[in-house]
Amino acid sequence: MAHYLDFEKPLAEIEGKAEELRAMARTNAEMDIEAEAKALDRKAEQLLTDLYSKLSPWRKCQVARHPERPHCRDYIDALFTEYTPLAGDRNFADDNAVMGGLARFNDTPVVVIGHEKGHDTTSRIEHNFGMARPEGYRKAVRLMDMADRFGLPVVTLIDTPGAYPGKGAEERGQSEAIARSTEKCLQIKVPLVAVVTGEGGSGGAVAFATANRVAMLEHSVYSVISPEGCASILWKDGGRMKEAAEALRLTAQDLQTLGVCDRIIKEPKGGAHRDRAAAIAEVGRAIAAMLDELDGSKGAELVQARRAKFLNMGARGLAA
């Protein structure tokens, strides 16, 4: 059964009526309802176009969090071959919120790292809803070190509400682990490309996205804090999340203006969850294009360009 967001309820009603008509026809061969069902399909198609042509920042947040969007495992399964997962931080434990390992992308050896949210209740709990603990970031540092040692490009896939804020995570050095991962992103002498596929939440996302090239799916978001958290802090009212989403400038379009996002990846009409295969293919093309742009760049040049990118971040938007 399809999952509809709050603002998609009118669409759900129309698509539901069309399906009801077709279900009735299946039980009664004498009924001829195809013309009426097709008319409802056309109406639903137009409504879908209208809804997604003018999404507010808050609605983009809702789409970015849609439970049926493709997640890290889906991208790895579809875009990478010979994937060999590597587990553990060689210090405390393995963190299932972060997955990564060796793979081939278009037959080129790479290291891929990403947040995994899970796809149902059981797997979401197993993967802690994509919220990494310190050992997840230390695992990422370990993988980036290995990529640097063997000259392998790094591809990161970001989709997290933020780093896990639990007591145990704080006791094990959550902030330090995020900082070390961000530092490692800035140090490695191999191409590093990042794609925000859903939510890019706070330092939990920055730790993987401090890259030479950062792409965002059209309806993904990337911000220092969630709209709900921002509203709770600024106005002591989490219900003002729509207002906070506007102020945070967290959409891919805003962030491209500010120089945070280098490339926006177009999503299928109605979001990546409506045509997962098409969305994944677009991400694959974007990764290939970004790696091609960096092909031939030397280690020191890559490090310097990455550093300059982040020192200059925001200047483009301020100048405008």
Protein backbone atom coordinates (compact mmCIF):
# COMPACT_ATOMS: atom_id res chain seq x y z
CA MET A 1 0.00 0.00 0.00
CA ALA A 2 1.36 3.41 -1.02
CA HIS A 3 2.34 5.86 1.70
CA TYR A 4 0.92 9.35 1.14
CA LEU A 5 2.20 12.49 2.82
CA ASP A 6 -0.19 14.94 4.48
CA PHE A 7 -0.26 17.33 1.54
CA GLU A 8 -0.88 14.42 -0.87
CA LYS A 9 -4.27 13.48 0.62
CA PRO A 10 -6.30 14.87 -2.33
CA LEU A 11 -4.07 12.80 -4.63
CA ALA A 12 -4.63 9.71 -2.48
CA GLU A 13 -8.41 10.13 -2.82
CA ILE A 14 -8.30 10.34 -6.61
CA GLU A 15 -5.87 7.44 -7.05
CA GLY A 16 -7.88 5.43 -4.53
CA LYS A 17 -11.11 5.97 -6.51
CA ALA A 18 -9.43 4.88 -9.74
CA GLU A 19 -8.17 1.72 -8.07
CA GLU A 20 -11.62 1.02 -6.59
CA LEU A 21 -13.18 1.22 -10.05
CA ARG A 22 -10.64 -1.18 -11.49
CA ALA A 23 -11.12 -3.57 -8.57
CA MET A 24 -14.87 -3.57 -9.20
CA ALA A 25 -14.29 -4.30 -12.89
CA ARG A 26 -12.07 -7.24 -12.03
CA THR A 27 -14.93 -8.84 -10.09
CA ASN A 28 -17.56 -8.02 -12.72
CA ALA A 29 -16.43 -8.52 -16.30
CA GLU A 30 -19.53 -6.74 -17.67
CA MET A 31 -18.58 -3.41 -16.14
CA ASP A 32 -16.87 -0.96 -18.48
CA ILE A 33 -15.20 1.63 -16.30
CA GLU A 34 -11.86 2.07 -18.09
CA ALA A 35 -12.74 5.48 -19.57
CA GLU A 36 -13.75 6.81 -16.15
CA ALA A 37 -10.65 5.31 -14.51
CA LYS A 38 -8.38 6.87 -17.14
CA ALA A 39 -10.02 10.24 -16.56
CA LEU A 40 -9.20 9.91 -12.86
CA ASP A 41 -5.63 8.93 -13.79
CA ARG A 42 -5.26 12.10 -15.85
CA LYS A 43 -6.66 14.19 -13.01
CA ALA A 44 -4.22 12.55 -10.56
CA GLU A 45 -1.32 13.12 -12.93
CA GLN A 46 -2.12 16.83 -13.21
CA LEU A 47 -2.55 17.18 -9.46
CA LEU A 48 0.78 15.43 -8.87
CA THR A 49 2.47 17.85 -11.29
CA ASP A 50 0.88 20.84 -9.56
CA LEU A 51 1.79 19.66 -6.05
CA TYR A 52 5.44 18.99 -6.83
CA SER A 53 6.01 22.10 -8.96
CA LYS A 54 5.69 24.39 -5.93
CA LEU A 55 6.87 22.48 -2.86
CA SER A 56 7.55 24.66 0.16
CA PRO A 57 10.74 23.98 2.17
CA TRP A 58 8.68 22.15 4.81
CA ARG A 59 7.05 19.94 2.21
CA LYS A 60 10.48 19.18 0.80
CA CYS A 61 11.47 18.05 4.29
CA GLN A 62 8.51 15.69 4.29
CA VAL A 63 9.43 14.29 0.87
CA ALA A 64 13.08 13.90 1.91
CA ARG A 65 11.91 11.80 4.88
CA HIS A 66 9.50 9.66 2.87
CA PRO A 67 9.91 6.06 4.10
CA GLU A 68 9.80 4.65 0.56
CA ARG A 69 12.68 6.71 -0.85
CA PRO A 70 15.68 4.64 -1.93
CA HIS A 71 18.27 4.26 0.82
CA CYS A 72 21.99 3.53 0.85
CA ARG A 73 21.63 -0.23 0.39
CA ASP A 74 19.37 0.30 -2.61
CA TYR A 75 21.93 2.56 -4.29
CA ILE A 76 24.80 0.19 -3.56
CA ASP A 77 22.89 -2.84 -4.85
CA ALA A 78 21.92 -1.06 -8.07
CA LEU A 79 24.97 1.05 -8.90
CA PHE A 80 27.97 -0.80 -7.50
CA THR A 81 29.37 -4.23 -8.28
CA GLU A 82 31.65 -6.54 -6.28
CA TYR A 83 30.62 -4.72 -3.11
CA THR A 84 32.55 -6.07 -0.12
CA PRO A 85 31.25 -4.61 3.16
CA LEU A 86 33.75 -3.81 5.89
CA ALA A 87 32.55 -3.64 9.48
CA GLY A 88 33.72 -2.19 12.77
CA ASP A 89 35.88 0.69 13.91
CA ARG A 90 38.68 -1.53 15.34
CA ASN A 91 37.95 0.06 18.69
CA PHE A 92 34.46 -0.52 20.09
CA ALA A 93 31.87 -2.08 17.77
CA ASP A 94 30.21 -2.04 14.38
CA ASP A 95 27.56 0.62 13.75
CA ASN A 96 24.74 -0.54 11.52
CA ALA A 97 23.66 3.04 10.82
CA VAL A 98 26.76 3.37 8.62
CA MET A 99 27.56 0.92 5.88
CA GLY A 100 30.56 0.93 3.60
CA GLY A 101 33.24 -1.05 1.91
CA LEU A 102 35.10 -1.76 -1.30
CA ALA A 103 33.22 -1.85 -4.59
CA ARG A 104 33.41 -1.10 -8.27
CA PHE A 105 31.54 1.78 -9.85
CA ASN A 106 31.40 1.55 -13.65
CA ASP A 107 34.24 -0.98 -13.25
CA THR A 108 36.40 1.54 -11.33
CA PRO A 109 37.49 0.44 -7.83
CA VAL A 110 36.10 2.80 -5.19
CA VAL A 111 35.24 2.97 -1.51
CA VAL A 112 31.57 3.68 -0.83
CA ILE A 113 30.23 4.88 2.54
CA GLY A 114 26.70 5.83 3.50
CA HIS A 115 23.96 6.14 6.08
CA GLU A 116 21.37 3.36 6.06
CA LYS A 117 17.95 4.06 7.57
CA GLY A 118 16.25 0.73 6.96
CA HIS A 119 12.98 0.04 5.14
CA ASP A 120 10.63 -1.40 7.79
CA THR A 121 10.26 -1.28 11.56
CA THR A 122 12.71 -4.08 12.24
CA SER A 123 15.45 -2.81 9.93
CA ARG A 124 14.97 0.81 11.02
CA ILE A 125 15.59 -0.19 14.62
CA GLU A 126 18.59 -2.29 13.53
CA HIS A 127 20.05 0.69 11.66
CA ASN A 128 19.02 3.20 14.35
CA PHE A 129 17.04 5.18 11.75
CA GLY A 130 20.30 6.23 10.06
CA MET A 131 21.61 8.04 13.16
CA ALA A 132 25.25 7.08 13.56
CA ARG A 133 27.12 6.62 16.82
CA PRO A 134 30.84 7.42 17.29
CA GLU A 135 31.86 3.98 16.05
CA GLY A 136 30.05 4.69 12.76
CA TYR A 137 32.14 7.79 12.12
CA ARG A 138 35.30 5.97 13.20
CA LYS A 139 34.45 3.21 10.76
CA ALA A 140 34.13 5.86 8.05
CA VAL A 141 37.55 7.29 9.01
CA ARG A 142 39.03 3.81 8.76
CA LEU A 143 37.54 3.33 5.28
CA MET A 144 38.72 6.75 4.07
CA ASP A 145 42.22 5.99 5.36
CA MET A 146 42.21 2.77 3.37
CA ALA A 147 40.97 4.57 0.24
CA ASP A 148 43.74 7.14 0.62
CA ARG A 149 46.38 4.43 1.08
CA PHE A 150 45.35 2.57 -2.08
CA GLY A 151 44.41 5.57 -4.23
CA LEU A 152 40.69 4.78 -4.45
CA PRO A 153 38.03 7.47 -5.00
CA VAL A 154 35.47 7.78 -2.19
CA VAL A 155 31.72 8.02 -2.79
CA THR A 156 29.50 8.95 0.16
CA LEU A 157 25.69 8.71 0.34
CA ILE A 158 24.14 10.94 3.00
CA ASP A 159 20.70 10.35 4.50
CA THR A 160 20.50 10.99 8.23
CA PRO A 161 18.41 13.13 10.60
CA GLY A 162 21.69 13.72 12.44
CA ALA A 163 24.20 11.92 14.62
CA TYR A 164 22.68 9.89 17.45
CA PRO A 165 22.38 12.09 20.59
CA GLY A 166 22.16 9.26 23.13
CA LYS A 167 24.06 9.14 26.42
CA GLY A 168 26.29 6.24 25.35
CA ALA A 169 27.24 7.99 22.13
CA GLU A 170 28.21 11.12 24.05
CA GLU A 171 30.22 9.08 26.54
CA ARG A 172 32.17 7.48 23.69
CA GLY A 173 33.06 10.84 22.13
CA GLN A 174 30.38 11.61 19.54
CA SER A 175 31.55 15.17 18.83
CA GLU A 176 35.19 14.14 18.56
CA ALA A 177 34.31 11.28 16.18
CA ILE A 178 32.30 13.62 13.91
CA ALA A 179 35.17 16.12 13.92
CA ARG A 180 37.72 13.42 13.06
CA SER A 181 35.58 12.21 10.17
CA THR A 182 35.19 15.76 8.84
CA GLU A 183 38.94 16.29 9.24
CA LYS A 184 39.66 13.06 7.36
CA CYS A 185 37.42 14.21 4.50
CA LEU A 186 39.60 17.31 4.20
CA GLN A 187 42.87 15.34 4.34
CA ILE A 188 42.53 12.45 1.90
CA LYS A 189 44.36 12.86 -1.40
CA VAL A 190 41.80 11.04 -3.54
CA PRO A 191 38.61 12.29 -5.19
CA LEU A 192 35.70 12.52 -2.74
CA VAL A 193 32.15 12.96 -4.05
CA ALA A 194 29.03 13.10 -1.91
CA VAL A 195 25.31 12.78 -2.65
CA VAL A 196 22.61 13.90 -0.21
CA THR A 197 19.84 11.43 -1.06
CA GLY A 198 17.32 12.38 1.63
CA GLU A 199 18.11 14.23 4.83
CA GLY A 200 21.45 15.89 5.43
CA GLY A 201 21.21 16.48 9.15
CA SER A 202 23.77 18.63 10.97
CA GLY A 203 27.29 17.39 11.76
CA GLY A 204 26.11 13.84 11.15
CA ALA A 205 25.93 14.74 7.45
CA VAL A 206 28.91 17.12 7.29
CA ALA A 207 31.16 14.27 8.48
CA PHE A 208 30.55 12.51 5.14
CA ALA A 209 29.81 15.48 2.88
CA THR A 210 32.98 17.56 3.19
CA ALA A 211 33.73 16.61 -0.40
CA ASN A 212 35.20 17.92 -3.64
CA ARG A 213 31.76 17.68 -5.18
CA VAL A 214 28.42 17.66 -3.34
CA ALA A 215 25.23 16.73 -5.18
CA MET A 216 21.70 16.76 -3.79
CA LEU A 217 18.58 15.08 -5.00
CA GLU A 218 15.99 17.66 -6.05
CA HIS A 219 13.78 17.19 -2.98
CA SER A 220 16.50 16.43 -0.43
CA VAL A 221 17.41 18.82 2.40
CA TYR A 222 20.66 19.72 4.16
CA SER A 223 20.78 21.87 7.29
CA VAL A 224 22.54 22.54 10.56
CA ILE A 225 19.47 21.40 12.53
CA SER A 226 16.04 19.98 11.82
CA PRO A 227 13.18 22.50 11.42
CA GLU A 228 11.53 21.07 14.54
CA GLY A 229 14.74 21.46 16.56
CA CYS A 230 15.32 24.97 15.26
CA ALA A 231 11.77 26.04 16.16
CA SER A 232 12.08 24.51 19.63
CA ILE A 233 15.29 26.43 20.33
CA LEU A 234 14.42 29.79 18.76
CA TRP A 235 10.76 30.07 19.69
CA LYS A 236 10.29 27.31 22.29
CA ASP A 237 7.62 25.95 19.96
CA GLY A 238 8.34 22.90 17.79
CA GLY A 239 5.05 23.53 16.00
CA ARG A 240 6.62 26.42 14.12
CA MET A 241 8.71 24.02 12.03
CA LYS A 242 7.30 25.36 8.74
CA GLU A 243 8.57 28.83 9.58
CA ALA A 244 11.93 27.39 10.63
CA ALA A 245 12.23 25.41 7.38
CA GLU A 246 11.84 28.64 5.43
CA ALA A 247 14.48 30.42 7.50
CA LEU A 248 17.05 27.59 7.37
CA ARG A 249 17.39 27.70 3.56
CA LEU A 250 17.79 23.95 3.55
CA THR A 251 16.58 23.04 0.07
CA ALA A 252 18.89 21.91 -2.72
CA GLN A 253 17.98 25.02 -4.69
CA ASP A 254 18.90 27.37 -1.80
CA LEU A 255 22.12 25.51 -1.14
CA GLN A 256 23.20 25.62 -4.76
CA THR A 257 22.83 29.41 -4.60
CA LEU A 258 24.97 29.48 -1.45
CA GLY A 259 27.66 27.29 -3.02
CA VAL A 260 27.11 24.36 -0.66
CA CYS A 261 25.59 22.13 -3.35
CA ASP A 262 27.38 21.77 -6.69
CA ARG A 263 24.76 19.77 -8.57
CA ILE A 264 21.02 19.13 -8.25
CA ILE A 265 19.86 15.69 -9.34
CA LYS A 266 16.39 15.73 -10.85
CA GLU A 267 13.86 13.38 -9.26
CA PRO A 268 10.97 11.60 -11.00
CA LYS A 269 7.65 13.42 -10.91
CA GLY A 270 6.26 12.98 -7.40
CA GLY A 271 9.65 12.29 -5.80
CA ALA A 272 12.22 9.51 -5.79
CA HIS A 273 9.83 7.16 -3.98
CA ARG A 274 7.44 7.09 -6.97
CA ASP A 275 10.07 5.70 -9.36
CA ARG A 276 12.96 4.34 -7.35
CA ALA A 277 14.77 2.81 -10.33
CA ALA A 278 14.75 6.09 -12.27
CA ALA A 279 15.95 8.05 -9.23
CA ILE A 280 18.79 5.60 -8.59
CA ALA A 281 19.84 5.77 -12.25
CA GLU A 282 19.99 9.58 -12.08
CA VAL A 283 22.17 9.40 -8.98
CA GLY A 284 24.47 6.98 -10.81
CA ARG A 285 24.84 9.41 -13.72
CA ALA A 286 25.60 12.26 -11.32
CA ILE A 287 28.29 10.24 -9.49
CA ALA A 288 29.88 9.29 -12.81
CA ALA A 289 29.90 12.93 -13.96
CA MET A 290 31.43 14.18 -10.71
CA LEU A 291 34.17 11.53 -10.76
CA ASP A 292 34.90 12.42 -14.39
CA GLU A 293 35.29 16.08 -13.43
CA LEU A 294 37.94 15.10 -10.88
CA ASP A 295 39.71 12.56 -13.06
CA GLY A 296 43.39 13.39 -13.45
CA SER A 297 43.53 15.76 -10.47
CA LYS A 298 46.56 15.21 -8.25
CA GLY A 299 46.42 14.58 -4.51
CA ALA A 300 47.59 17.98 -3.31
CA GLU A 301 45.36 19.69 -5.86
CA LEU A 302 42.32 17.77 -4.62
CA VAL A 303 43.04 18.65 -1.00
CA GLN A 304 43.57 22.33 -1.79
CA ALA A 305 40.41 22.56 -3.91
CA ARG A 306 38.37 20.88 -1.18
CA ARG A 307 39.74 23.26 1.44
CA ALA A 308 39.06 26.31 -0.74
CA LYS A 309 35.52 25.14 -1.45
CA PHE A 310 34.62 25.12 2.23
CA LEU A 311 36.48 28.31 3.12
CA ASN A 312 34.52 30.14 0.41
CA MET A 313 31.18 28.53 1.23
CA GLY A 314 28.30 30.99 1.34
CA ALA A 315 30.20 33.78 -0.38
CA ARG A 316 28.33 33.26 -3.66
CA GLY A 317 24.94 33.63 -2.00
CA LEU A 318 26.03 36.67 0.05
CA ALA A 319 27.40 38.39 -3.04
CA ALA A 320 24.10 37.81 -4.86
